[in-house]
Protein backbone atom coordinates (compact mmCIF):
# COMPACT_ATOMS: atom_id res chain seq x y z
CA MET A 1 -2.13 12.91 27.48
CA CYS A 2 1.66 12.47 27.96
CA ALA A 3 3.43 11.38 31.05
CA LEU A 4 7.01 10.43 32.03
CA ASP A 5 7.46 7.05 34.07
CA LEU A 6 11.17 6.85 35.43
CA ARG A 7 10.61 3.36 36.70
CA CYS A 8 11.23 1.69 33.36
CA ASN A 9 14.54 -0.52 33.49
CA ARG A 10 14.44 -2.29 30.20
CA ARG A 11 17.73 -3.36 28.42
CA LYS A 12 19.85 -0.76 27.05
CA LEU A 13 21.00 -1.32 23.31
CA SER A 14 23.19 0.82 20.96
CA VAL A 15 21.12 3.66 20.08
CA ASN A 16 22.57 6.93 20.97
CA TYR A 17 20.57 9.19 23.09
CA PRO A 18 21.54 12.97 23.40
CA LYS A 19 21.80 14.35 26.80
CA PRO A 20 18.90 15.48 28.55
CA LEU A 21 18.32 19.35 28.30
CA LYS A 22 18.20 21.17 31.23
CA ALA A 23 18.24 25.08 32.25
CA GLY A 24 21.02 26.83 30.54
CA SER A 25 21.50 24.27 27.73
CA ARG A 26 22.27 25.73 24.17
CA ILE A 27 19.99 25.42 21.53
CA ALA A 28 20.71 26.32 17.90
CA ILE A 29 18.16 27.49 15.49
CA CYS A 30 19.10 26.26 11.92
CA ALA A 31 17.36 26.40 8.70
CA PHE A 32 18.59 23.30 6.95
CA SER A 33 15.27 23.58 4.97
CA SER A 34 13.32 26.62 4.43
CA SER A 35 14.35 29.94 6.14
CA VAL A 36 11.64 32.07 7.67
CA PRO A 37 10.51 35.11 5.69
CA GLN A 38 10.10 38.67 7.22
CA ALA A 39 6.48 38.30 7.41
CA CYS A 40 6.87 35.65 10.01
CA TYR A 41 9.63 37.13 12.31
CA ALA A 42 7.18 38.25 14.91
CA ARG A 43 6.20 34.57 15.10
CA LEU A 44 9.47 33.27 15.10
CA ASP A 45 10.52 35.87 17.95
CA ASN A 46 7.76 34.34 19.98
CA ALA A 47 8.96 30.84 19.34
CA VAL A 48 12.52 31.79 20.49
CA ALA A 49 11.02 33.54 23.39
CA PHE A 50 9.27 30.19 24.60
CA LEU A 51 12.43 28.45 24.24
CA GLN A 52 14.16 31.00 26.60
CA GLU A 53 11.05 30.83 28.94
CA GLN A 54 12.08 27.09 29.47
CA GLY A 55 15.62 28.41 30.62
CA PHE A 56 17.64 27.61 27.16
CA GLU A 57 20.15 29.66 25.97
CA VAL A 58 19.26 30.21 21.97
CA ILE A 59 21.53 30.76 19.16
CA GLU A 60 20.25 31.73 15.87
CA GLY A 61 22.09 30.74 12.68
CA PRO A 62 22.32 33.04 9.70
CA SER A 63 20.21 30.74 7.63
CA VAL A 64 16.98 31.21 9.69
CA ARG A 65 16.43 34.60 8.23
CA HIS A 66 18.24 34.36 5.11
CA VAL A 67 17.08 36.29 2.28
CA GLY A 68 18.31 35.08 -1.09
CA GLU A 69 18.86 31.81 -2.99
CA TRP A 70 18.93 28.73 -1.12
CA ASP A 71 22.45 27.21 -1.12
CA ALA A 72 23.02 23.72 -0.10
CA GLN A 73 26.42 23.82 0.72
CA ALA A 74 25.81 26.71 2.74
CA ARG A 75 23.05 25.07 4.69
CA ALA A 76 25.09 21.95 5.30
CA ASN A 77 27.98 23.84 6.32
CA GLU A 78 26.03 25.65 9.10
CA LEU A 79 24.27 22.35 10.06
CA ASN A 80 27.64 20.58 10.22
CA THR A 81 29.01 23.44 12.66
CA PHE A 82 25.91 23.06 15.14
CA LEU A 83 26.11 19.41 15.21
CA LEU A 84 29.92 19.04 15.77
CA ASP A 85 29.71 22.05 18.47
CA GLU A 86 29.91 20.23 21.75
CA SER A 87 28.62 22.99 23.63
CA ILE A 88 25.29 22.84 21.67
CA SER A 89 22.63 20.44 22.78
CA ALA A 90 20.11 20.63 20.40
CA VAL A 91 19.48 21.69 16.83
CA LEU A 92 15.95 22.93 15.77
CA PRO A 93 14.99 24.03 12.17
CA PRO A 94 12.00 26.75 12.45
CA TRP A 95 9.96 24.34 9.89
CA GLY A 96 10.16 22.20 6.92
CA GLY A 97 10.70 23.17 3.48
CA ASP A 98 11.26 21.29 -0.05
CA LEU A 99 15.12 20.49 -0.45
CA ALA A 100 16.70 19.04 2.78
CA MET A 101 17.51 15.79 1.09
CA ALA A 102 20.13 17.89 -1.13
CA ILE A 103 22.59 18.35 1.78
CA LEU A 104 22.45 14.68 2.79
CA PRO A 105 25.78 14.14 0.81
CA LEU A 106 27.36 17.33 2.02
CA LEU A 107 27.22 16.60 5.76
CA ASP A 108 30.44 15.45 7.44
CA TRP A 109 29.55 11.78 8.35
CA GLN A 110 32.84 10.91 9.46
CA ALA A 111 33.18 13.89 11.64
CA LEU A 112 29.71 13.29 12.96
CA GLN A 113 30.20 9.59 14.03
CA ALA A 114 32.86 10.82 16.17
CA THR A 115 30.66 13.36 18.06
CA SER A 116 28.11 13.25 20.82
CA PRO A 117 24.40 13.29 19.53
CA LYS A 118 22.34 16.30 19.58
CA TRP A 119 18.65 16.68 19.97
CA VAL A 120 17.16 17.55 16.46
CA LEU A 121 13.36 18.05 16.45
CA GLY A 122 10.68 18.73 13.84
CA PHE A 123 8.65 17.27 11.08
CA SER A 124 8.00 17.65 7.19
CA ASP A 125 11.07 18.01 4.90
CA VAL A 126 13.45 18.06 8.06
CA SER A 127 12.43 14.84 8.79
CA THR A 128 14.33 13.53 5.90
CA ILE A 129 17.74 14.73 7.61
CA MET A 130 16.50 13.12 11.17
CA THR A 131 16.18 9.69 9.72
CA ALA A 132 19.67 9.75 8.25
CA LEU A 133 21.06 10.65 11.38
CA THR A 134 19.14 8.08 13.10
CA THR A 135 20.07 5.29 10.45
CA ARG A 136 23.52 6.09 9.88
CA LEU A 137 24.71 7.35 13.26
CA ASN A 138 22.01 5.61 15.69
CA TRP A 139 21.11 8.98 17.01
CA VAL A 140 17.72 9.37 18.57
CA THR A 141 15.80 12.06 16.62
CA VAL A 142 12.46 13.59 17.32
CA HIS A 143 9.64 13.93 15.12
CA ALA A 144 7.26 16.45 16.55
CA THR A 145 5.51 19.87 16.15
CA ASN A 146 7.94 22.04 14.40
CA LEU A 147 9.37 25.29 16.52
CA MET A 148 7.23 27.72 14.52
CA GLN A 149 4.15 26.14 15.67
CA LEU A 150 5.50 26.24 19.36
CA THR A 151 4.68 29.29 21.74
CA SER A 152 3.22 29.64 25.31
CA LEU A 153 -0.25 30.02 23.98
CA GLN A 154 -0.65 26.53 22.51
CA THR A 155 -2.73 24.55 25.13
CA ASP A 156 -3.50 20.97 23.57
CA PRO A 157 -1.51 18.30 25.61
CA LEU A 158 0.47 16.86 22.94
CA THR A 159 1.71 20.19 21.77
CA ARG A 160 2.33 21.57 25.29
CA ALA A 161 4.36 18.23 26.01
CA THR A 162 6.59 18.57 22.88
CA LEU A 163 9.98 19.96 24.64
CA ASP A 164 9.24 17.55 27.68
CA VAL A 165 10.73 14.90 25.75
CA LEU A 166 13.90 16.54 25.25
CA SER A 167 14.79 16.19 29.04
CA LEU A 168 14.13 12.43 29.11
CA GLN A 169 17.15 9.91 30.22
CA VAL A 170 17.96 6.50 29.62
CA GLY A 171 15.80 4.39 31.45
CA ASP A 172 12.54 6.62 31.28
CA LYS A 173 9.45 5.75 29.18
CA TRP A 174 7.42 8.35 27.21
CA VAL A 175 3.74 7.72 26.86
CA GLN A 176 1.19 9.25 24.70
CA SER A 177 -2.38 8.94 24.00
CA ALA A 178 -4.42 9.99 20.76
CA SER A 179 -5.60 13.64 20.73
CA SER A 180 -9.11 14.46 21.48
CA HIS A 181 -9.72 16.78 18.47
CA PHE A 182 -7.51 17.73 15.49
CA GLU A 183 -7.32 20.77 13.04
CA THR A 184 -8.85 21.10 9.54
CA THR A 185 -8.96 24.71 9.15
CA ASN A 186 -7.48 27.57 10.80
CA ALA A 187 -8.20 31.50 10.09
CA CYS A 188 -4.90 32.53 11.46
CA PRO A 189 -1.91 32.24 9.39
CA ILE A 190 1.50 30.99 10.73
CA SER A 191 2.77 34.43 10.34
CA ASP A 192 0.35 35.52 13.15
CA PRO A 193 2.34 35.69 16.16
CA ASN A 194 -0.42 34.55 18.53
CA MET A 195 -1.79 31.80 16.21
CA VAL A 196 -3.03 28.51 18.01
CA PHE A 197 -4.47 25.45 16.48
CA ASN A 198 -7.92 25.33 15.81
CA LEU A 199 -8.70 21.86 17.21
CA THR A 200 -12.42 21.25 16.21
CA GLU A 201 -12.79 17.68 14.57
CA ILE A 202 -13.20 14.58 16.69
CA THR A 203 -9.77 12.28 16.37
CA GLN A 204 -10.16 8.47 15.63
CA TRP A 205 -7.26 6.64 14.83
CA ARG A 206 -8.67 3.99 12.30
CA LEU A 207 -7.29 0.21 11.40
CA LEU A 208 -6.95 -0.60 7.87
CA PRO A 209 -9.33 -3.66 6.95
CA SER A 210 -7.75 -6.64 5.12
CA GLN A 211 -8.15 -6.77 1.44
CA GLN A 212 -10.74 -9.49 2.41
CA GLY A 213 -12.79 -6.79 4.24
CA ILE A 214 -12.22 -8.18 7.74
CA VAL A 215 -12.26 -5.30 10.22
CA ARG A 216 -10.68 -5.27 13.69
CA ASP A 217 -11.27 -2.95 16.52
CA LYS A 218 -7.92 -3.53 18.25
CA VAL A 219 -4.40 -4.62 17.67
CA ALA A 220 -0.93 -4.36 19.28
CA PHE A 221 2.61 -4.31 17.99
CA ALA A 222 6.02 -3.23 18.79
CA GLY A 223 9.43 -2.25 17.34
CA ARG A 224 11.76 0.59 16.67
CA LEU A 225 9.94 3.86 15.40
CA VAL A 226 11.46 4.92 12.02
CA GLY A 227 9.69 7.55 9.64
CA GLY A 228 8.91 11.00 8.45
CA CYS A 229 7.39 12.87 5.56
CA LEU A 230 6.38 10.28 2.76
CA ASP A 231 7.04 13.10 0.11
CA THR A 232 10.82 12.46 0.84
CA HIS A 233 11.35 9.29 2.41
CA GLN A 234 9.97 7.51 -0.78
CA HIS A 235 13.37 8.74 -2.42
CA ILE A 236 15.74 7.81 0.46
CA LEU A 237 14.57 5.02 2.25
CA ASN A 238 16.99 2.03 1.58
CA THR A 239 19.57 4.20 0.21
CA GLU A 240 23.02 4.81 1.62
CA PHE A 241 21.33 7.81 3.57
CA ALA A 242 18.29 5.80 5.21
CA ASP A 243 19.43 2.11 4.99
CA ILE A 244 16.63 0.66 7.16
CA GLU A 245 17.60 -2.88 6.19
CA GLN A 246 20.94 -2.54 7.81
CA PHE A 247 19.55 -0.38 10.71
CA SER A 248 16.88 -3.09 11.45
CA GLN A 249 19.70 -5.53 11.52
CA GLN A 250 21.33 -4.01 14.47
CA TYR A 251 18.11 -4.91 16.38
CA HIS A 252 17.64 -8.48 14.73
CA GLU A 253 15.27 -9.37 17.66
CA GLN A 254 12.94 -6.39 17.52
CA PRO A 255 11.23 -5.47 14.19
CA LEU A 256 10.52 -1.73 13.09
CA ILE A 257 7.59 0.36 13.42
CA LEU A 258 7.25 2.61 10.40
CA TYR A 259 5.38 5.83 10.39
CA PHE A 260 4.47 8.24 7.55
CA GLU A 261 2.68 11.24 6.56
CA ASN A 262 1.55 12.69 3.43
CA GLY A 263 2.31 16.63 2.80
CA GLU A 264 1.63 17.09 -0.86
CA LEU A 265 1.46 13.85 -3.13
CA SER A 266 -1.85 13.32 -4.97
CA ASP A 267 -3.69 10.42 -4.52
CA HIS A 268 -1.91 8.37 -7.25
CA GLY A 269 1.45 9.84 -6.35
CA TYR A 270 0.95 8.36 -2.77
CA ILE A 271 0.02 4.98 -3.96
CA ARG A 272 3.19 4.92 -6.40
CA ALA A 273 5.34 6.40 -3.27
CA LEU A 274 4.13 3.18 -1.08
CA LEU A 275 4.08 0.67 -3.76
CA GLY A 276 7.86 1.76 -4.62
CA LEU A 277 8.76 1.12 -0.97
CA LYS A 278 6.99 -1.99 -0.93
CA TYR A 279 9.13 -3.02 -4.00
CA LYS A 280 12.08 -2.13 -2.41
CA GLY A 281 11.56 -4.38 0.46
CA VAL A 282 11.27 -1.62 3.08
CA PHE A 283 8.31 -3.43 4.67
CA LYS A 284 10.19 -6.51 5.14
CA HIS A 285 11.11 -6.23 9.00
CA VAL A 286 8.02 -4.16 9.96
CA SER A 287 5.61 -5.10 12.63
CA GLY A 288 3.18 -2.53 11.94
CA VAL A 289 2.63 1.02 10.16
CA LEU A 290 1.24 4.38 11.47
CA PHE A 291 0.08 6.78 9.00
CA GLY A 292 -0.76 10.37 9.77
CA ARG A 293 -3.87 12.34 8.58
CA ASN A 294 -3.71 12.79 4.75
CA ALA A 295 -3.02 16.62 4.22
CA ALA A 296 -2.93 16.59 0.46
CA ASN A 297 -6.58 15.36 0.15
CA LYS A 298 -8.18 17.56 2.90
CA TYR A 299 -9.00 14.43 5.28
CA LYS A 300 -11.07 12.44 2.95
CA VAL A 301 -11.30 9.22 5.09
CA SER A 302 -12.72 6.85 2.36
CA ALA A 303 -9.99 8.02 0.13
CA ASN A 304 -7.41 7.36 2.69
CA GLU A 305 -8.35 3.90 3.19
CA GLU A 306 -8.66 2.99 -0.59
CA ILE A 307 -5.15 4.31 -1.23
CA LEU A 308 -3.69 2.38 1.67
CA LEU A 309 -5.64 -0.55 0.57
CA LYS A 310 -4.55 -0.48 -2.91
CA ALA A 311 -0.78 -0.01 -2.13
CA LEU A 312 -0.40 -2.02 1.34
CA GLY A 313 -3.48 -4.10 1.64
CA SER A 314 -1.69 -7.60 0.80
CA LEU A 315 0.79 -6.84 3.81
CA ASN A 316 -0.05 -9.19 6.71
CA ILE A 317 0.63 -6.34 9.15
CA PRO A 318 -1.44 -3.92 10.92
CA ILE A 319 -1.67 -0.48 9.38
CA VAL A 320 -3.10 2.29 11.42
CA PHE A 321 -4.07 5.64 9.67
CA ASP A 322 -5.50 9.31 10.88
CA VAL A 323 -2.73 9.19 13.63
CA ASP A 324 -1.61 12.49 14.99
CA ILE A 325 1.41 12.75 12.69
CA GLY A 326 2.15 15.43 10.37
CA HIS A 327 0.72 18.65 8.64
CA ILE A 328 -2.68 18.26 10.14
CA PRO A 329 -2.21 18.92 14.00
CA PRO A 330 -1.56 18.13 16.55
CA ASN A 331 1.53 15.89 16.24
CA MET A 332 2.58 13.28 18.62
CA THR A 333 6.18 13.36 19.61
CA LEU A 334 7.93 10.20 18.08
CA LEU A 335 11.64 9.15 19.02
CA ASN A 336 13.22 7.63 15.82
CA GLY A 337 15.08 4.66 16.97
CA VAL A 338 13.38 3.92 20.29
CA TYR A 339 11.69 0.72 20.95
CA SER A 340 7.96 1.46 21.22
CA GLU A 341 4.61 -0.35 21.65
CA VAL A 342 1.40 0.55 19.93
CA ASP A 343 -1.97 -0.34 21.25
CA ILE A 344 -5.18 0.54 19.64
CA SER A 345 -8.64 -0.79 21.04
CA PRO A 346 -12.20 0.80 21.25
CA VAL A 347 -11.33 2.73 24.49
CA GLY A 348 -8.43 4.68 23.21
CA ALA A 349 -4.95 4.48 21.33
CA THR A 350 -1.55 4.65 23.27
CA VAL A 351 1.95 4.75 22.10
CA VAL A 352 4.72 3.80 24.61
CA GLN A 353 8.40 4.54 24.03
CA TYR A 354 10.96 3.12 25.87
CA LEU A 355 14.37 4.80 26.29
CA GLN A 356 16.58 1.47 26.72
């Protein structure tokens, strides 16, 4: 369940919020990762229609239905154009892909520093760009259900509320609870214009026990959210494109909450990725870590726990896994850069995000 509460008056810091969307706001669809193949055009048309039903004006870039070789410079040029256009309020990729990190050095960071922030929303490979926008420019970006998964037919509360976050204002707070059920299999492909999530399995967010086997049934922690797809974040965190050490120093009175989800890494690749981040000091200023359900190993709970214990069991911070984040729907809507509180107990799990 999601809710808006307009009574929050917490102290505003220097994070940069895009302007709230309203009827008539212009949204650009831009495939800075993978384009949409012809077999999925009907699905894309439904997603665009869903945006238009909300009263938004939609502009589609040439990359979206591009046929041919992927070109990093062309994708960067298109994204630069939309992000620098003051008439554009949001830039939505249709979905993820593979090579978004290749455009990072090609973006005009100096010009972007001087422009107003835009809403950028999605998950998977596109989260690479969103983390860079947040850590380099202090823009609030949105890790959430991808556009190609959004249509008027989706009914679960987390998915239905995805676009609501784009109308938030400074002073609001965004409250979400864990889903009731999640999807493991779906007979309908994403190319089906009427595909909806098949949420059949009971959701349970889990707390990682300590290496000594101590199990807790409740925990609470707070900090500023940063994260995304581990497959790509393992390569960019604490580089010039995602310097979370520097980012955390801007909010020295508040730690970070990191969140990750695994799309394609093998079990050993998953462990290596997390160990590499630990060795680079990524968890130095972190109050807790959230992990989405592991899409690569078909949701094997015991394997997920074993992987996280091997890689991060020595960290003296709460680690929560099987969270509604990533490639196994539904997805929570998490605002990168926003101060948040996580509360896990036997009666439920809640994430509260404060737009301060």
